[in-house]
Amino acid sequence: GAAPADLSALFNDALREFKLGRRGGLEELLLRTGPQWNSLSEATALQVLRAMEQLAKEDPVGALPPLLPWLWQLADEDIVKLAVPSSLATSLVATLRAVPPDAAASLAAGNLPILISTFEWLWGLVSQPSPQRPPPPSAPAKTAAAPQHKPPVSPGSGAAQLQRQPAPIRTSPAQSQADAHQANTPRSLHRRRASRDGIDAMQAQLNAMQAELVNSPRVRG
């Protein structure tokens, strides 16, 4: 594989072409290399993310498949820690939300809504009642709206079971609830499970697309 410096140079060249209206180079590079956030400088990574947002806005059905592995890795804060400006975060989430439902259903086995919700939690775009201070019974409006604040759970991910039955805490009683809250919040469980599920769901599709790209005459020549 290319060294990080070489990757940055490749992406910077592709980004220059992208700004001149030539999209193909960046799209092929994203597909060929797979997710490489940690090999790029923060400035280059943010330019790549802005370009992805533009591609998804212009052609969600055609552009999103090679972008999704990158986006799923970005959604896993255990792997990638990129400081995304709030304006870009808001714009990207809005763009993903605008993907037509029929197109979204065919992408990533229907996991696009989970990816969107993961980004909303990661970037603080969802208001959340404090776990220690739930809405009082006298506030029916907030109580009725509460379900939308719960992190979504991928069917079959196991996260739903974990959320209903938090793992026993194997610590002394003195440590008890602070550690339990940190380790078993629905938010942390959701992020890890949803990100892993999404990355797994995309891997086969990415492999197939990479094989197709490598075998195409245009790239071989």
C-alpha atoms as a PDB file:
ATOM      1  CA  GLY A   1       0.000   0.000   0.000  1.00  0.00           C
ATOM      2  CA  ALA A   2       1.009   3.602  -0.499  1.00  0.00           C
ATOM      3  CA  ALA A   3       2.694   5.475   2.319  1.00  0.00           C
ATOM      4  CA  PRO A   4       0.637   8.211   4.009  1.00  0.00           C
ATOM      5  CA  ALA A   5       2.652  10.945   2.254  1.00  0.00           C
ATOM      6  CA  ASP A   6       1.993   9.315  -1.124  1.00  0.00           C
ATOM      7  CA  LEU A   7      -1.703   8.940  -0.321  1.00  0.00           C
ATOM      8  CA  SER A   8      -1.973  12.598   0.637  1.00  0.00           C
ATOM      9  CA  ALA A   9      -0.301  13.584  -2.633  1.00  0.00           C
ATOM     10  CA  LEU A  10      -2.664  11.335  -4.612  1.00  0.00           C
ATOM     11  CA  PHE A  11      -5.717  12.771  -2.886  1.00  0.00           C
ATOM     12  CA  ASN A  12      -4.526  16.355  -3.227  1.00  0.00           C
ATOM     13  CA  ASP A  13      -4.051  15.827  -6.974  1.00  0.00           C
ATOM     14  CA  ALA A  14      -7.514  14.255  -7.248  1.00  0.00           C
ATOM     15  CA  LEU A  15      -9.041  17.125  -5.236  1.00  0.00           C
ATOM     16  CA  ARG A  16      -7.476  19.685  -7.594  1.00  0.00           C
ATOM     17  CA  GLU A  17      -9.026  17.853 -10.541  1.00  0.00           C
ATOM     18  CA  PHE A  18     -12.336  17.664  -8.672  1.00  0.00           C
ATOM     19  CA  LYS A  19     -12.402  21.441  -8.231  1.00  0.00           C
ATOM     20  CA  LEU A  20     -11.929  21.786 -11.996  1.00  0.00           C
ATOM     21  CA  GLY A  21     -15.029  19.675 -12.568  1.00  0.00           C
ATOM     22  CA  ARG A  22     -13.298  16.359 -13.260  1.00  0.00           C
ATOM     23  CA  ARG A  23     -14.942  13.990 -10.775  1.00  0.00           C
ATOM     24  CA  GLY A  24     -13.776  10.585 -11.964  1.00  0.00           C
ATOM     25  CA  GLY A  25     -10.275  10.645 -10.497  1.00  0.00           C
ATOM     26  CA  LEU A  26     -11.423  11.248  -6.936  1.00  0.00           C
ATOM     27  CA  GLU A  27     -14.254   8.721  -7.153  1.00  0.00           C
ATOM     28  CA  GLU A  28     -11.906   6.008  -8.465  1.00  0.00           C
ATOM     29  CA  LEU A  29      -9.293   6.822  -5.809  1.00  0.00           C
ATOM     30  CA  LEU A  30     -11.866   6.597  -3.006  1.00  0.00           C
ATOM     31  CA  LEU A  31     -12.937   3.199  -4.294  1.00  0.00           C
ATOM     32  CA  ARG A  32      -9.437   1.881  -4.995  1.00  0.00           C
ATOM     33  CA  THR A  33      -7.859   2.787  -1.649  1.00  0.00           C
ATOM     34  CA  GLY A  34     -10.830   2.164   0.648  1.00  0.00           C
ATOM     35  CA  PRO A  35     -11.216   4.253   3.824  1.00  0.00           C
ATOM     36  CA  GLN A  36      -7.938   6.022   4.648  1.00  0.00           C
ATOM     37  CA  TRP A  37      -8.956   8.854   6.998  1.00  0.00           C
ATOM     38  CA  ASN A  38      -6.035   8.305   9.362  1.00  0.00           C
ATOM     39  CA  SER A  39      -3.503   8.403   6.512  1.00  0.00           C
ATOM     40  CA  LEU A  40      -4.581  11.904   5.448  1.00  0.00           C
ATOM     41  CA  SER A  41      -3.797  15.214   7.077  1.00  0.00           C
ATOM     42  CA  GLU A  42      -6.765  16.861   8.773  1.00  0.00           C
ATOM     43  CA  ALA A  43      -6.913  19.563   6.073  1.00  0.00           C
ATOM     44  CA  THR A  44      -6.918  16.984   3.262  1.00  0.00           C
ATOM     45  CA  ALA A  45      -9.426  14.771   5.084  1.00  0.00           C
ATOM     46  CA  LEU A  46     -11.858  17.673   5.469  1.00  0.00           C
ATOM     47  CA  GLN A  47     -11.483  18.549   1.771  1.00  0.00           C
ATOM     48  CA  VAL A  48     -12.240  14.921   0.915  1.00  0.00           C
ATOM     49  CA  LEU A  49     -15.323  14.993   3.151  1.00  0.00           C
ATOM     50  CA  ARG A  50     -16.558  18.219   1.523  1.00  0.00           C
ATOM     51  CA  ALA A  51     -16.077  16.645  -1.909  1.00  0.00           C
ATOM     52  CA  MET A  52     -17.995  13.553  -0.761  1.00  0.00           C
ATOM     53  CA  GLU A  53     -20.850  15.745   0.420  1.00  0.00           C
ATOM     54  CA  GLN A  54     -20.936  17.446  -2.992  1.00  0.00           C
ATOM     55  CA  LEU A  55     -20.856  14.122  -4.852  1.00  0.00           C
ATOM     56  CA  ALA A  56     -23.666  12.712  -2.713  1.00  0.00           C
ATOM     57  CA  LYS A  57     -25.739  15.824  -3.287  1.00  0.00           C
ATOM     58  CA  GLU A  58     -25.283  15.768  -7.075  1.00  0.00           C
ATOM     59  CA  ASP A  59     -25.748  12.029  -7.663  1.00  0.00           C
ATOM     60  CA  PRO A  60     -26.732  10.077  -4.537  1.00  0.00           C
ATOM     61  CA  VAL A  61     -27.502   6.821  -6.324  1.00  0.00           C
ATOM     62  CA  GLY A  62     -24.306   6.740  -8.378  1.00  0.00           C
ATOM     63  CA  ALA A  63     -21.873   8.353  -5.954  1.00  0.00           C
ATOM     64  CA  LEU A  64     -22.836   6.906  -2.581  1.00  0.00           C
ATOM     65  CA  PRO A  65     -21.752   3.233  -2.948  1.00  0.00           C
ATOM     66  CA  PRO A  66     -17.996   3.993  -3.026  1.00  0.00           C
ATOM     67  CA  LEU A  67     -18.446   6.686  -0.348  1.00  0.00           C
ATOM     68  CA  LEU A  68     -20.281   4.545   2.202  1.00  0.00           C
ATOM     69  CA  PRO A  69     -17.258   2.545   3.470  1.00  0.00           C
ATOM     70  CA  TRP A  70     -15.494   5.860   4.113  1.00  0.00           C
ATOM     71  CA  LEU A  71     -18.534   7.306   5.865  1.00  0.00           C
ATOM     72  CA  TRP A  72     -19.010   4.223   8.058  1.00  0.00           C
ATOM     73  CA  GLN A  73     -15.378   4.391   9.165  1.00  0.00           C
ATOM     74  CA  LEU A  74     -15.759   8.117   9.886  1.00  0.00           C
ATOM     75  CA  ALA A  75     -18.776   7.276  12.061  1.00  0.00           C
ATOM     76  CA  ASP A  76     -16.629   5.029  14.289  1.00  0.00           C
ATOM     77  CA  GLU A  77     -14.972   7.381  16.761  1.00  0.00           C
ATOM     78  CA  ASP A  78     -12.814   4.509  18.046  1.00  0.00           C
ATOM     79  CA  ILE A  79     -11.031   4.479  14.669  1.00  0.00           C
ATOM     80  CA  VAL A  80     -11.257   8.039  13.336  1.00  0.00           C
ATOM     81  CA  LYS A  81     -11.094  11.230  15.363  1.00  0.00           C
ATOM     82  CA  LEU A  82     -11.621  13.986  12.800  1.00  0.00           C
ATOM     83  CA  ALA A  83     -12.816  17.381  14.026  1.00  0.00           C
ATOM     84  CA  VAL A  84     -15.633  18.039  11.553  1.00  0.00           C
ATOM     85  CA  PRO A  85     -16.869  21.671  11.545  1.00  0.00           C
ATOM     86  CA  SER A  86     -20.514  21.935  12.549  1.00  0.00           C
ATOM     87  CA  SER A  87     -21.464  23.565   9.235  1.00  0.00           C
ATOM     88  CA  LEU A  88     -20.052  20.617   7.264  1.00  0.00           C
ATOM     89  CA  ALA A  89     -21.569  18.086   9.688  1.00  0.00           C
ATOM     90  CA  THR A  90     -25.012  19.677   9.356  1.00  0.00           C
ATOM     91  CA  SER A  91     -24.732  19.896   5.565  1.00  0.00           C
ATOM     92  CA  LEU A  92     -23.596  16.274   5.176  1.00  0.00           C
ATOM     93  CA  VAL A  93     -26.411  14.938   7.365  1.00  0.00           C
ATOM     94  CA  ALA A  94     -28.945  17.033   5.426  1.00  0.00           C
ATOM     95  CA  THR A  95     -27.571  15.681   2.132  1.00  0.00           C
ATOM     96  CA  LEU A  96     -27.811  12.074   3.330  1.00  0.00           C
ATOM     97  CA  ARG A  97     -31.336  12.679   4.613  1.00  0.00           C
ATOM     98  CA  ALA A  98     -32.314  13.988   1.160  1.00  0.00           C
ATOM     99  CA  VAL A  99     -31.415  10.707  -0.574  1.00  0.00           C
ATOM    100  CA  PRO A 100     -34.651   9.411  -2.158  1.00  0.00           C
ATOM    101  CA  PRO A 101     -36.187   6.601  -0.051  1.00  0.00           C
ATOM    102  CA  ASP A 102     -36.096   4.069  -2.885  1.00  0.00           C
ATOM    103  CA  ALA A 103     -32.397   4.761  -3.432  1.00  0.00           C
ATOM    104  CA  ALA A 104     -31.657   4.672   0.302  1.00  0.00           C
ATOM    105  CA  ALA A 105     -33.352   1.274   0.598  1.00  0.00           C
ATOM    106  CA  SER A 106     -30.992  -0.211  -1.998  1.00  0.00           C
ATOM    107  CA  LEU A 107     -27.844   1.209  -0.383  1.00  0.00           C
ATOM    108  CA  ALA A 108     -25.958  -0.716   2.301  1.00  0.00           C
ATOM    109  CA  ALA A 109     -28.826  -3.125   2.880  1.00  0.00           C
ATOM    110  CA  GLY A 110     -31.014  -0.292   4.141  1.00  0.00           C
ATOM    111  CA  ASN A 111     -28.495   0.874   6.754  1.00  0.00           C
ATOM    112  CA  LEU A 112     -28.360   4.485   5.555  1.00  0.00           C
ATOM    113  CA  PRO A 113     -30.768   5.705   8.293  1.00  0.00           C
ATOM    114  CA  ILE A 114     -28.509   4.098  10.911  1.00  0.00           C
ATOM    115  CA  LEU A 115     -25.471   5.870   9.443  1.00  0.00           C
ATOM    116  CA  ILE A 116     -27.321   9.203   9.506  1.00  0.00           C
ATOM    117  CA  SER A 117     -28.387   8.732  13.116  1.00  0.00           C
ATOM    118  CA  THR A 118     -24.853   7.713  14.109  1.00  0.00           C
ATOM    119  CA  PHE A 119     -23.500  10.950  12.647  1.00  0.00           C
ATOM    120  CA  GLU A 120     -26.187  12.951  14.441  1.00  0.00           C
ATOM    121  CA  TRP A 121     -25.146  11.450  17.778  1.00  0.00           C
ATOM    122  CA  LEU A 122     -21.423  11.721  17.034  1.00  0.00           C
ATOM    123  CA  TRP A 123     -21.601  15.374  16.008  1.00  0.00           C
ATOM    124  CA  GLY A 124     -24.111  16.485  18.617  1.00  0.00           C
ATOM    125  CA  LEU A 125     -26.898  17.207  16.134  1.00  0.00           C
ATOM    126  CA  VAL A 126     -29.542  15.500  18.312  1.00  0.00           C
ATOM    127  CA  SER A 127     -30.745  17.033  21.548  1.00  0.00           C
ATOM    128  CA  GLN A 128     -30.826  14.426  24.297  1.00  0.00           C
ATOM    129  CA  PRO A 129     -32.531  14.505  27.698  1.00  0.00           C
ATOM    130  CA  SER A 130     -29.983  13.976  30.462  1.00  0.00           C
ATOM    131  CA  PRO A 131     -29.966  10.326  31.640  1.00  0.00           C
ATOM    132  CA  GLN A 132     -29.858  11.513  35.252  1.00  0.00           C
ATOM    133  CA  ARG A 133     -32.758  13.932  34.803  1.00  0.00           C
ATOM    134  CA  PRO A 134     -35.504  12.456  32.600  1.00  0.00           C
ATOM    135  CA  PRO A 135     -38.370  14.706  31.489  1.00  0.00           C
ATOM    136  CA  PRO A 136     -40.851  15.163  34.351  1.00  0.00           C
ATOM    137  CA  PRO A 137     -44.304  13.563  34.020  1.00  0.00           C
ATOM    138  CA  SER A 138     -45.806  17.038  33.794  1.00  0.00           C
ATOM    139  CA  ALA A 139     -44.197  17.576  30.375  1.00  0.00           C
ATOM    140  CA  PRO A 140     -46.183  15.351  27.989  1.00  0.00           C
ATOM    141  CA  ALA A 141     -44.755  16.986  24.855  1.00  0.00           C
ATOM    142  CA  LYS A 142     -41.188  16.067  25.764  1.00  0.00           C
ATOM    143  CA  THR A 143     -42.205  12.617  26.903  1.00  0.00           C
ATOM    144  CA  ALA A 144     -44.005  11.965  23.634  1.00  0.00           C
ATOM    145  CA  ALA A 145     -40.966  13.080  21.665  1.00  0.00           C
ATOM    146  CA  ALA A 146     -38.540  11.008  23.715  1.00  0.00           C
ATOM    147  CA  PRO A 147     -38.414   7.941  21.408  1.00  0.00           C
ATOM    148  CA  GLN A 148     -36.820   9.936  18.611  1.00  0.00           C
ATOM    149  CA  HIS A 149     -33.874  10.736  20.886  1.00  0.00           C
ATOM    150  CA  LYS A 150     -33.012   7.106  21.485  1.00  0.00           C
ATOM    151  CA  PRO A 151     -30.122   5.836  19.353  1.00  0.00           C
ATOM    152  CA  PRO A 152     -31.381   3.628  16.526  1.00  0.00           C
ATOM    153  CA  VAL A 153     -30.436  -0.018  16.671  1.00  0.00           C
ATOM    154  CA  SER A 154     -29.599  -2.154  13.677  1.00  0.00           C
ATOM    155  CA  PRO A 155     -31.881  -5.217  13.595  1.00  0.00           C
ATOM    156  CA  GLY A 156     -29.886  -8.259  14.499  1.00  0.00           C
ATOM    157  CA  SER A 157     -26.932  -6.256  15.744  1.00  0.00           C
ATOM    158  CA  GLY A 158     -27.407  -7.432  19.293  1.00  0.00           C
ATOM    159  CA  ALA A 159     -27.344  -3.843  20.509  1.00  0.00           C
ATOM    160  CA  ALA A 160     -31.048  -3.946  21.291  1.00  0.00           C
ATOM    161  CA  GLN A 161     -30.477  -6.862  23.642  1.00  0.00           C
ATOM    162  CA  LEU A 162     -27.522  -5.096  25.235  1.00  0.00           C
ATOM    163  CA  GLN A 163     -29.530  -1.944  25.740  1.00  0.00           C
ATOM    164  CA  ARG A 164     -32.346  -3.836  27.438  1.00  0.00           C
ATOM    165  CA  GLN A 165     -29.981  -5.872  29.591  1.00  0.00           C
ATOM    166  CA  PRO A 166     -26.739  -3.996  30.362  1.00  0.00           C
ATOM    167  CA  ALA A 167     -23.788  -6.289  30.970  1.00  0.00           C
ATOM    168  CA  PRO A 168     -23.089  -7.028  34.650  1.00  0.00           C
ATOM    169  CA  ILE A 169     -20.449  -4.731  36.053  1.00  0.00           C
ATOM    170  CA  ARG A 170     -17.402  -6.714  37.162  1.00  0.00           C
ATOM    171  CA  THR A 171     -16.093  -4.113  39.584  1.00  0.00           C
ATOM    172  CA  SER A 172     -16.259  -3.438  43.290  1.00  0.00           C
ATOM    173  CA  PRO A 173     -19.488  -1.887  44.602  1.00  0.00           C
ATOM    174  CA  ALA A 174     -17.513   1.274  45.346  1.00  0.00           C
ATOM    175  CA  GLN A 175     -16.984   1.884  41.627  1.00  0.00           C
ATOM    176  CA  SER A 176     -20.457   0.774  40.619  1.00  0.00           C
ATOM    177  CA  GLN A 177     -22.714   3.194  38.808  1.00  0.00           C
ATOM    178  CA  ALA A 178     -20.375   5.774  37.348  1.00  0.00           C
ATOM    179  CA  ASP A 179     -18.428   3.038  35.577  1.00  0.00           C
ATOM    180  CA  ALA A 180     -21.615   1.250  34.593  1.00  0.00           C
ATOM    181  CA  HIS A 181     -22.983   4.393  33.025  1.00  0.00           C
ATOM    182  CA  GLN A 182     -19.765   5.080  31.110  1.00  0.00           C
ATOM    183  CA  ALA A 183     -19.417   1.528  29.769  1.00  0.00           C
ATOM    184  CA  ASN A 184     -23.036   0.770  28.946  1.00  0.00           C
ATOM    185  CA  THR A 185     -24.695   3.952  27.761  1.00  0.00           C
ATOM    186  CA  PRO A 186     -26.959   3.318  24.795  1.00  0.00           C
ATOM    187  CA  ARG A 187     -24.949   5.959  22.964  1.00  0.00           C
ATOM    188  CA  SER A 188     -21.596   4.172  23.264  1.00  0.00           C
ATOM    189  CA  LEU A 189     -23.126   0.764  22.544  1.00  0.00           C
ATOM    190  CA  HIS A 190     -24.973   2.147  19.557  1.00  0.00           C
ATOM    191  CA  ARG A 191     -21.919   3.796  18.076  1.00  0.00           C
ATOM    192  CA  ARG A 192     -19.724   0.745  18.306  1.00  0.00           C
ATOM    193  CA  ARG A 193     -22.343  -1.768  17.169  1.00  0.00           C
ATOM    194  CA  ALA A 194     -23.811   0.345  14.364  1.00  0.00           C
ATOM    195  CA  SER A 195     -20.384   1.292  13.029  1.00  0.00           C
ATOM    196  CA  ARG A 196     -19.128  -2.292  13.044  1.00  0.00           C
ATOM    197  CA  ASP A 197     -22.339  -3.553  11.429  1.00  0.00           C
ATOM    198  CA  GLY A 198     -22.173  -0.887   8.762  1.00  0.00           C
ATOM    199  CA  ILE A 199     -18.533  -1.564   7.954  1.00  0.00           C
ATOM    200  CA  ASP A 200     -19.239  -5.305   7.709  1.00  0.00           C
ATOM    201  CA  ALA A 201     -22.263  -4.702   5.510  1.00  0.00           C
ATOM    202  CA  MET A 202     -20.235  -2.581   3.109  1.00  0.00           C
ATOM    203  CA  GLN A 203     -17.091  -4.729   2.910  1.00  0.00           C
ATOM    204  CA  ALA A 204     -18.416  -7.274   0.406  1.00  0.00           C
ATOM    205  CA  GLN A 205     -19.819  -4.514  -1.791  1.00  0.00           C
ATOM    206  CA  LEU A 206     -16.517  -2.609  -1.642  1.00  0.00           C
ATOM    207  CA  ASN A 207     -14.518  -5.729  -2.558  1.00  0.00           C
ATOM    208  CA  ALA A 208     -16.736  -6.391  -5.559  1.00  0.00           C
ATOM    209  CA  MET A 209     -16.473  -2.793  -6.737  1.00  0.00           C
ATOM    210  CA  GLN A 210     -12.697  -2.783  -6.314  1.00  0.00           C
ATOM    211  CA  ALA A 211     -12.430  -5.956  -8.382  1.00  0.00           C
ATOM    212  CA  GLU A 212     -14.578  -4.410 -11.087  1.00  0.00           C
ATOM    213  CA  LEU A 213     -12.447  -1.256 -11.079  1.00  0.00           C
ATOM    214  CA  VAL A 214      -9.152  -3.172 -11.289  1.00  0.00           C
ATOM    215  CA  ASN A 215     -10.464  -5.270 -14.191  1.00  0.00           C
ATOM    216  CA  SER A 216     -11.813  -2.343 -16.208  1.00  0.00           C
ATOM    217  CA  PRO A 217      -9.807  -1.503 -19.383  1.00  0.00           C
ATOM    218  CA  ARG A 218      -9.871   2.218 -18.558  1.00  0.00           C
ATOM    219  CA  VAL A 219      -7.922   1.715 -15.341  1.00  0.00           C
ATOM    220  CA  ARG A 220      -5.584  -0.974 -16.707  1.00  0.00           C
ATOM    221  CA  GLY A 221      -4.572   1.264 -19.576  1.00  0.00           C
END
